[in-house]
Amino acid sequence: MLDKRWNDDIAYAFSIHKLYLEFYGMWPLQTQTVFTKIRWSFYLIIHFTMLPFVMMGLIGNSGTNANLESMVYLTSTLSGIIKCICIFLGQKKLGPNINAAIDDWLSLKDDEIARKIMRKCAHRTRILTIVLLYSAYTCLSIYILSVVVINVKQIFFMDSNLVDADTNVTGWKFLIPSGLLSSSITGSQYVMILIVQSIQTFLICATQCLVDSFFFNVATHLAGQLEILKHKFKIFANKRDTETNYRKKFVDLINRHNELMEFNQNLEDTFHFLILCQLVMVTIMIALLGLRINLCLNENNQFEATKSSLIMNYLLMQSLVYTYSGDFLQRESEDIFCALYATSWFTLPVALMKDLHFAMMRSSIPFRLTGGKFFYVNRETIMCIIKTAASYVSVLRIALKN
């Protein structure tokens, strides 16, 4: 049934997310079978298997930099687990949104304005998805290559920084800091663990990028539908018509607004806990990474400072995905009120003018996404995140100096 309702426009908007999420058993429209649940469970277990490495890194007393790096992996792993669970549990809520988006694309005929708006939203999402995937995998590939080069250098050139002078034991460099494990394994064991950690980190990157861009896709499509509805509200009274036809058009537009309200609530119910966890963890991690960059620069460790800067940039981009989506939805829904006021309401029958007043009252309440039902997610949120993180960095620097 889905293949019959799939065309080039829909593929442009959803093909990347459908391909990845269907493989992991998290695509909202796929039939939930035993094999689907096994794929999702296996994918989740891979995330959980990162925790032992991270905990060994935290317990191993490997220094401040190593502990901060372990915290980065810990928050990334927990974030990935939460995203997997939220998407899987929210499939029934997200299914109507995806079906409605497919119907919106299929219903496009000669409406060039609607097509232009929807293509614009789909183009934004596709660009974001590609940028996130390529940047994450490029940085990860460079990092893996650097780890391999460091260990090859150790094997062939006996780098004294990686060999314990007292015991003559090699301290292997891992992708995920693993504490004392690096000095208690053989070369063949190290290769196996490095392969496992590479697979884990690639899957973590996929989860982070795809869930973020999928959320952005659904949210921006909804905002695009609000923009189309705004245009229809503006012009529905431009041509003189009978009271019956006026009312029919107006009721159709009101019903469409109600549908979009339900889709916004589905989005809120699915992602509000994820947004809360994501933004809280991003705030803490930006503060810790800012501190780590400061420590690395003081120690003249350019490699770790650069790596931390790249991670911080990605975290800021990640928080912008959620805050920009929430702000975009809020602005477009607020514009519905202005569109109702800008319409040719003075040409409408008196009874319909009163109904228009009630519609304006309802549209004055904007669509909003929240973080765990505690705060609204918009442009002000990202400013609060940056200010809070900067305050944490200042306090931690003073505490370390003392």
Protein backbone atom coordinates (compact mmCIF):
# COMPACT_ATOMS: atom_id res chain seq x y z
CA MET A 1 0.00 0.00 0.00
CA LEU A 2 2.83 2.37 0.87
CA ASP A 3 4.60 1.78 -2.46
CA LYS A 4 1.43 2.78 -4.33
CA ARG A 5 1.36 6.05 -2.38
CA TRP A 6 5.04 6.81 -2.98
CA ASN A 7 6.21 9.26 -5.64
CA ASP A 8 9.31 11.35 -6.38
CA ASP A 9 8.26 14.26 -4.17
CA ILE A 10 7.62 11.99 -1.18
CA ALA A 11 10.90 10.19 -1.81
CA TYR A 12 12.72 13.53 -1.85
CA ALA A 13 11.26 14.37 1.56
CA PHE A 14 11.41 11.01 3.35
CA SER A 15 13.59 8.50 1.47
CA ILE A 16 16.72 8.87 3.65
CA HIS A 17 14.81 8.56 6.92
CA LYS A 18 12.67 5.70 5.63
CA LEU A 19 15.75 3.76 4.51
CA TYR A 20 17.61 4.05 7.81
CA LEU A 21 14.72 3.92 10.27
CA GLU A 22 13.11 0.96 8.49
CA PHE A 23 16.41 -0.93 8.72
CA TYR A 24 16.56 -0.26 12.47
CA GLY A 25 12.88 -1.14 12.97
CA MET A 26 11.79 2.40 13.89
CA TRP A 27 9.96 3.66 10.78
CA PRO A 28 6.45 4.66 11.98
CA LEU A 29 4.62 3.18 8.97
CA GLN A 30 6.25 -0.25 8.87
CA THR A 31 4.37 -3.28 10.12
CA GLN A 32 5.61 -4.38 13.52
CA THR A 33 6.70 -8.00 13.19
CA VAL A 34 8.92 -10.21 15.30
CA PHE A 35 11.88 -9.50 13.01
CA THR A 36 11.30 -5.76 13.26
CA LYS A 37 11.35 -5.91 17.05
CA ILE A 38 14.46 -8.12 16.98
CA ARG A 39 16.28 -5.55 14.80
CA TRP A 40 15.29 -2.72 17.13
CA SER A 41 16.27 -4.75 20.22
CA PHE A 42 19.65 -5.64 18.72
CA TYR A 43 20.23 -2.00 17.83
CA LEU A 44 19.37 -0.95 21.40
CA ILE A 45 21.63 -3.64 22.90
CA ILE A 46 24.56 -2.29 20.87
CA HIS A 47 24.00 1.07 22.54
CA PHE A 48 23.94 -0.53 25.99
CA THR A 49 27.19 -2.40 25.31
CA MET A 50 29.00 0.93 25.10
CA LEU A 51 28.29 1.62 28.77
CA PRO A 52 30.85 -0.88 30.18
CA PHE A 53 33.67 0.76 28.19
CA VAL A 54 32.56 4.21 29.31
CA MET A 55 32.29 3.19 32.97
CA MET A 56 35.79 1.66 32.85
CA GLY A 57 37.03 4.97 31.51
CA LEU A 58 35.37 6.89 34.34
CA ILE A 59 36.51 4.51 37.08
CA GLY A 60 40.05 4.08 35.74
CA ASN A 61 41.37 7.42 37.10
CA SER A 62 42.96 8.24 33.74
CA GLY A 63 43.08 12.00 34.30
CA THR A 64 40.77 14.96 33.79
CA ASN A 65 40.83 14.93 29.97
CA ALA A 66 40.05 11.22 29.76
CA ASN A 67 37.21 11.57 32.29
CA LEU A 68 35.69 14.46 30.36
CA GLU A 69 35.91 12.45 27.14
CA SER A 70 34.22 9.53 28.90
CA MET A 71 31.43 11.90 29.95
CA VAL A 72 30.94 12.88 26.31
CA TYR A 73 30.53 9.23 25.31
CA LEU A 74 28.26 8.57 28.30
CA THR A 75 25.86 11.37 27.40
CA SER A 76 25.93 10.41 23.70
CA THR A 77 25.11 6.80 24.58
CA LEU A 78 22.29 7.75 26.96
CA SER A 79 20.94 10.21 24.39
CA GLY A 80 21.00 7.49 21.70
CA ILE A 81 19.16 5.05 23.97
CA ILE A 82 16.48 7.63 24.80
CA LYS A 83 16.03 8.47 21.11
CA CYS A 84 15.63 4.80 20.15
CA ILE A 85 13.03 4.25 22.86
CA CYS A 86 11.09 7.47 22.16
CA ILE A 87 10.85 6.81 18.41
CA PHE A 88 9.87 3.17 18.91
CA LEU A 89 7.21 3.95 21.54
CA GLY A 90 5.93 6.95 19.59
CA GLN A 91 5.31 5.13 16.32
CA LYS A 92 1.53 5.16 16.77
CA LYS A 93 1.63 8.90 17.37
CA LEU A 94 3.99 9.64 14.48
CA GLY A 95 2.19 7.34 12.02
CA PRO A 96 -0.74 9.75 11.42
CA ASN A 97 1.70 12.62 10.90
CA ILE A 98 3.67 10.70 8.26
CA ASN A 99 0.50 9.48 6.53
CA ALA A 100 -0.86 13.03 6.49
CA ALA A 101 2.43 14.30 5.03
CA ILE A 102 2.21 11.69 2.26
CA ASP A 103 -1.40 12.73 1.58
CA ASP A 104 -0.30 16.36 1.41
CA TRP A 105 2.27 15.54 -1.27
CA LEU A 106 -0.22 13.40 -3.22
CA SER A 107 -2.90 16.09 -3.09
CA LEU A 108 -0.70 18.63 -4.88
CA LYS A 109 -2.10 19.24 -8.35
CA ASP A 110 -2.06 22.77 -9.72
CA ASP A 111 -1.36 24.56 -6.44
CA GLU A 112 2.06 25.98 -7.21
CA ILE A 113 2.21 28.05 -4.01
CA ALA A 114 1.69 24.97 -1.83
CA ARG A 115 4.21 22.98 -3.88
CA LYS A 116 6.79 25.74 -3.56
CA ILE A 117 6.36 25.93 0.24
CA MET A 118 6.53 22.16 0.70
CA ARG A 119 9.57 21.81 -1.56
CA LYS A 120 11.28 24.57 0.41
CA CYS A 121 10.68 22.71 3.70
CA ALA A 122 11.76 19.38 2.20
CA HIS A 123 14.92 20.98 0.78
CA ARG A 124 15.85 22.37 4.21
CA THR A 125 15.43 18.97 5.79
CA ARG A 126 17.41 17.15 3.11
CA ILE A 127 20.29 19.62 3.37
CA LEU A 128 20.33 19.29 7.17
CA THR A 129 20.23 15.49 7.01
CA ILE A 130 23.10 15.29 4.52
CA VAL A 131 25.18 17.85 6.43
CA LEU A 132 24.67 16.03 9.74
CA LEU A 133 25.45 12.60 8.29
CA TYR A 134 28.49 13.65 6.28
CA SER A 135 29.96 15.87 9.00
CA ALA A 136 29.47 13.22 11.70
CA TYR A 137 30.90 10.36 9.64
CA THR A 138 33.76 12.46 8.27
CA CYS A 139 34.83 13.56 11.75
CA LEU A 140 34.43 10.03 13.09
CA SER A 141 36.47 8.55 10.23
CA ILE A 142 39.26 11.06 10.85
CA TYR A 143 39.18 10.24 14.56
CA ILE A 144 39.33 6.47 13.92
CA LEU A 145 42.20 6.99 11.49
CA SER A 146 44.09 9.07 14.05
CA VAL A 147 43.63 6.37 16.71
CA VAL A 148 44.90 3.72 14.29
CA VAL A 149 47.92 5.88 13.34
CA ILE A 150 48.78 6.43 17.02
CA ASN A 151 48.73 2.70 17.70
CA VAL A 152 50.67 1.82 14.54
CA LYS A 153 53.26 4.37 15.56
CA GLN A 154 53.41 2.72 18.96
CA ILE A 155 53.92 -0.74 17.47
CA PHE A 156 56.63 0.15 14.94
CA PHE A 157 58.34 3.11 16.62
CA MET A 158 57.74 2.30 20.32
CA ASP A 159 56.25 5.63 21.36
CA SER A 160 57.40 6.16 24.94
CA ASN A 161 54.23 8.08 25.78
CA LEU A 162 52.14 4.95 25.28
CA VAL A 163 54.42 2.41 27.00
CA ASP A 164 54.69 2.08 30.77
CA ALA A 165 58.39 2.51 31.60
CA ASP A 166 58.21 0.37 34.78
CA THR A 167 56.32 -2.65 33.46
CA ASN A 168 57.04 -2.26 29.74
CA VAL A 169 53.30 -2.77 29.11
CA THR A 170 51.69 -1.20 26.07
CA GLY A 171 48.86 1.26 26.72
CA TRP A 172 46.60 0.97 23.69
CA LYS A 173 44.63 3.98 22.47
CA PHE A 174 40.88 3.23 22.23
CA LEU A 175 38.09 5.06 20.44
CA ILE A 176 36.14 5.02 23.70
CA PRO A 177 38.33 5.63 26.78
CA SER A 178 38.37 2.31 28.66
CA GLY A 179 40.59 2.97 31.66
CA LEU A 180 42.91 0.15 32.74
CA LEU A 181 41.68 -2.13 29.94
CA SER A 182 44.18 -0.47 27.56
CA SER A 183 47.15 -1.94 29.47
CA SER A 184 45.76 -5.42 30.16
CA ILE A 185 45.08 -6.84 26.68
CA THR A 186 47.10 -8.24 23.80
CA GLY A 187 47.38 -6.82 20.29
CA SER A 188 44.82 -9.22 18.77
CA GLN A 189 42.36 -8.49 21.57
CA TYR A 190 42.86 -4.78 20.99
CA VAL A 191 42.03 -5.14 17.28
CA MET A 192 38.78 -6.96 18.08
CA ILE A 193 37.75 -4.34 20.65
CA LEU A 194 38.64 -1.52 18.25
CA ILE A 195 36.39 -3.03 15.57
CA VAL A 196 33.53 -3.40 18.07
CA GLN A 197 33.96 0.19 19.26
CA SER A 198 34.05 1.45 15.65
CA ILE A 199 30.72 -0.25 14.92
CA GLN A 200 29.24 1.14 18.13
CA THR A 201 30.34 4.70 17.43
CA PHE A 202 29.10 4.57 13.83
CA LEU A 203 25.67 3.42 15.05
CA ILE A 204 25.61 6.09 17.74
CA CYS A 205 26.36 8.72 15.08
CA ALA A 206 23.59 7.34 12.88
CA THR A 207 21.09 7.51 15.74
CA GLN A 208 22.04 11.06 16.68
CA CYS A 209 21.89 12.38 13.13
CA LEU A 210 18.83 10.54 11.85
CA VAL A 211 16.52 11.06 14.82
CA ASP A 212 17.38 14.77 14.97
CA SER A 213 16.84 15.29 11.24
CA PHE A 214 13.67 13.12 11.29
CA PHE A 215 12.22 15.32 14.04
CA PHE A 216 13.20 18.39 12.01
CA ASN A 217 11.56 16.88 8.92
CA VAL A 218 8.21 16.24 10.62
CA ALA A 219 8.24 19.61 12.41
CA THR A 220 9.13 21.69 9.33
CA HIS A 221 6.53 19.89 7.20
CA LEU A 222 3.92 20.79 9.83
CA ALA A 223 5.14 24.39 9.81
CA GLY A 224 4.92 24.38 6.02
CA GLN A 225 1.29 23.27 6.22
CA LEU A 226 0.61 26.14 8.61
CA GLU A 227 2.14 28.52 6.07
CA ILE A 228 -0.11 27.11 3.33
CA LEU A 229 -3.13 27.41 5.62
CA LYS A 230 -2.17 31.02 6.39
CA HIS A 231 -2.18 31.82 2.67
CA LYS A 232 -5.60 30.17 2.22
CA PHE A 233 -7.07 32.13 5.12
CA LYS A 234 -5.85 35.35 3.53
CA ILE A 235 -7.52 34.75 0.17
CA PHE A 236 -10.65 32.75 1.01
CA ALA A 237 -12.84 35.91 1.12
CA ASN A 238 -11.24 37.75 -1.81
CA LYS A 239 -13.87 36.64 -4.33
CA ARG A 240 -17.50 37.47 -3.70
CA ASP A 241 -19.62 34.38 -3.11
CA THR A 242 -22.80 33.19 -1.43
CA GLU A 243 -22.99 32.79 2.34
CA THR A 244 -23.21 29.00 1.97
CA ASN A 245 -20.01 28.81 -0.06
CA TYR A 246 -18.22 31.22 2.27
CA ARG A 247 -19.16 29.08 5.24
CA LYS A 248 -18.13 25.86 3.50
CA LYS A 249 -14.67 27.28 2.70
CA PHE A 250 -14.30 28.64 6.23
CA VAL A 251 -15.32 25.35 7.87
CA ASP A 252 -12.85 23.43 5.70
CA LEU A 253 -10.05 25.76 6.77
CA ILE A 254 -11.02 25.50 10.45
CA ASN A 255 -11.11 21.70 10.21
CA ARG A 256 -7.66 21.76 8.63
CA HIS A 257 -6.39 23.91 11.49
CA ASN A 258 -7.80 21.37 13.97
CA GLU A 259 -5.99 18.55 12.13
CA LEU A 260 -2.71 20.44 12.34
CA MET A 261 -3.31 20.99 16.06
CA GLU A 262 -3.63 17.21 16.50
CA PHE A 263 -0.42 16.60 14.53
CA ASN A 264 1.40 19.15 16.67
CA GLN A 265 0.16 17.37 19.80
CA ASN A 266 1.40 14.04 18.41
CA LEU A 267 4.81 15.60 17.87
CA GLU A 268 4.80 17.05 21.38
CA ASP A 269 3.73 13.77 23.01
CA THR A 270 6.46 11.82 21.21
CA PHE A 271 9.42 14.17 21.64
CA HIS A 272 8.87 16.28 24.76
CA PHE A 273 10.86 13.97 27.06
CA LEU A 274 13.59 13.54 24.45
CA ILE A 275 13.87 17.32 24.01
CA LEU A 276 14.19 17.79 27.77
CA CYS A 277 16.95 15.19 28.10
CA GLN A 278 18.71 16.40 24.98
CA LEU A 279 18.85 20.07 25.95
CA VAL A 280 19.86 19.35 29.56
CA MET A 281 22.67 17.05 28.42
CA VAL A 282 23.77 19.51 25.73
CA THR A 283 24.01 22.29 28.31
CA ILE A 284 26.15 20.18 30.64
CA MET A 285 28.34 18.85 27.85
CA ILE A 286 28.99 22.28 26.33
CA ALA A 287 30.15 23.42 29.77
CA LEU A 288 32.42 20.38 30.23
CA LEU A 289 33.79 20.65 26.70
CA GLY A 290 34.50 24.34 27.19
CA LEU A 291 36.47 23.43 30.30
CA ARG A 292 38.25 20.63 28.45
CA ILE A 293 39.26 22.94 25.59
CA ASN A 294 40.70 25.33 28.16
CA LEU A 295 42.70 22.54 29.82
CA CYS A 296 43.95 21.19 26.48
CA LEU A 297 45.11 24.62 25.35
CA ASN A 298 46.94 25.10 28.65
CA GLU A 299 48.67 21.74 28.10
CA ASN A 300 49.34 22.61 24.42
CA ASN A 301 47.34 19.55 23.32
CA GLN A 302 46.05 20.81 19.97
CA PHE A 303 44.60 17.48 18.83
CA GLU A 304 42.27 17.06 21.82
CA ALA A 305 41.32 20.76 21.75
CA THR A 306 40.33 20.47 18.07
CA LYS A 307 38.35 17.29 18.71
CA SER A 308 36.50 18.92 21.62
CA SER A 309 35.75 21.99 19.48
CA LEU A 310 34.22 19.82 16.76
CA ILE A 311 32.08 17.97 19.30
CA MET A 312 30.94 21.28 20.80
CA ASN A 313 29.97 22.59 17.35
CA TYR A 314 27.94 19.46 16.72
CA LEU A 315 26.16 19.81 20.09
CA LEU A 316 25.27 23.41 19.30
CA MET A 317 23.94 22.33 15.90
CA GLN A 318 21.97 19.56 17.59
CA SER A 319 20.33 21.97 20.05
CA LEU A 320 19.57 24.38 17.18
CA VAL A 321 17.67 21.61 15.37
CA TYR A 322 15.17 21.38 18.23
CA THR A 323 14.97 25.05 19.14
CA TYR A 324 14.70 26.24 15.53
CA SER A 325 11.94 23.71 14.81
CA GLY A 326 9.98 24.80 17.87
CA ASP A 327 10.43 28.48 17.00
CA PHE A 328 9.46 27.88 13.35
CA LEU A 329 6.24 26.14 14.40
CA GLN A 330 5.41 28.86 16.90
CA ARG A 331 5.94 31.71 14.41
CA GLU A 332 3.91 30.09 11.64
CA SER A 333 1.00 29.34 13.99
CA GLU A 334 1.03 32.90 15.33
CA ASP A 335 0.82 34.18 11.75
CA ILE A 336 -2.56 32.44 11.36
CA PHE A 337 -4.06 35.13 13.62
CA CYS A 338 -2.57 37.87 11.43
CA ALA A 339 -3.82 36.11 8.28
CA LEU A 340 -7.38 36.02 9.65
CA TYR A 341 -7.20 39.72 10.41
CA ALA A 342 -5.72 40.49 6.97
CA THR A 343 -8.48 38.68 5.09
CA SER A 344 -11.35 40.61 3.49
CA TRP A 345 -13.55 39.98 6.53
CA PHE A 346 -15.66 43.09 5.85
CA THR A 347 -17.14 41.40 2.77
CA LEU A 348 -18.39 38.40 4.78
CA PRO A 349 -21.92 37.96 6.11
CA VAL A 350 -22.46 39.20 9.68
CA ALA A 351 -22.92 35.69 11.11
CA LEU A 352 -19.65 34.54 9.58
CA MET A 353 -17.86 37.62 10.94
CA LYS A 354 -18.73 36.44 14.46
CA ASP A 355 -17.39 32.98 13.69
CA LEU A 356 -14.22 34.58 12.34
CA HIS A 357 -13.80 36.35 15.67
CA PHE A 358 -13.89 33.02 17.55
CA ALA A 359 -11.39 31.55 15.09
CA MET A 360 -9.05 34.48 15.76
CA MET A 361 -9.34 33.90 19.50
CA ARG A 362 -8.33 30.25 19.09
CA SER A 363 -5.52 30.98 16.65
CA SER A 364 -4.01 33.46 19.12
CA ILE A 365 -2.79 30.40 21.09
CA PRO A 366 0.32 29.31 19.15
CA PHE A 367 1.61 25.80 18.51
CA ARG A 368 4.43 25.11 20.90
CA LEU A 369 6.84 22.30 21.63
CA THR A 370 8.07 21.85 25.18
CA GLY A 371 10.95 20.21 26.97
CA GLY A 372 9.32 17.69 29.28
CA LYS A 373 6.31 20.04 29.73
CA PHE A 374 8.62 22.36 31.73
CA PHE A 375 9.61 25.05 29.21
CA TYR A 376 8.84 26.13 25.67
CA VAL A 377 11.40 25.37 22.97
CA ASN A 378 12.21 28.41 20.80
CA ARG A 379 14.99 30.89 20.03
CA GLU A 380 15.16 32.03 23.64
CA THR A 381 15.95 28.46 24.70
CA ILE A 382 19.21 28.27 22.75
CA MET A 383 20.30 31.60 24.24
CA CYS A 384 19.60 30.25 27.74
CA ILE A 385 21.63 27.11 26.94
CA ILE A 386 24.65 29.13 25.82
CA LYS A 387 24.45 31.51 28.79
CA THR A 388 24.08 28.66 31.28
CA ALA A 389 26.96 26.69 29.75
CA ALA A 390 29.20 29.78 29.80
CA SER A 391 28.36 30.33 33.48
CA TYR A 392 29.24 26.70 34.28
CA VAL A 393 32.59 27.03 32.49
CA SER A 394 33.47 30.14 34.49
CA VAL A 395 32.59 28.49 37.80
CA LEU A 396 34.51 25.28 36.96
CA ARG A 397 37.61 27.23 35.91
CA ILE A 398 37.66 29.12 39.20
CA ALA A 399 37.10 25.89 41.16
CA LEU A 400 40.01 24.15 39.41
CA LYS A 401 42.34 27.11 39.97
CA ASN A 402 41.52 27.10 43.68
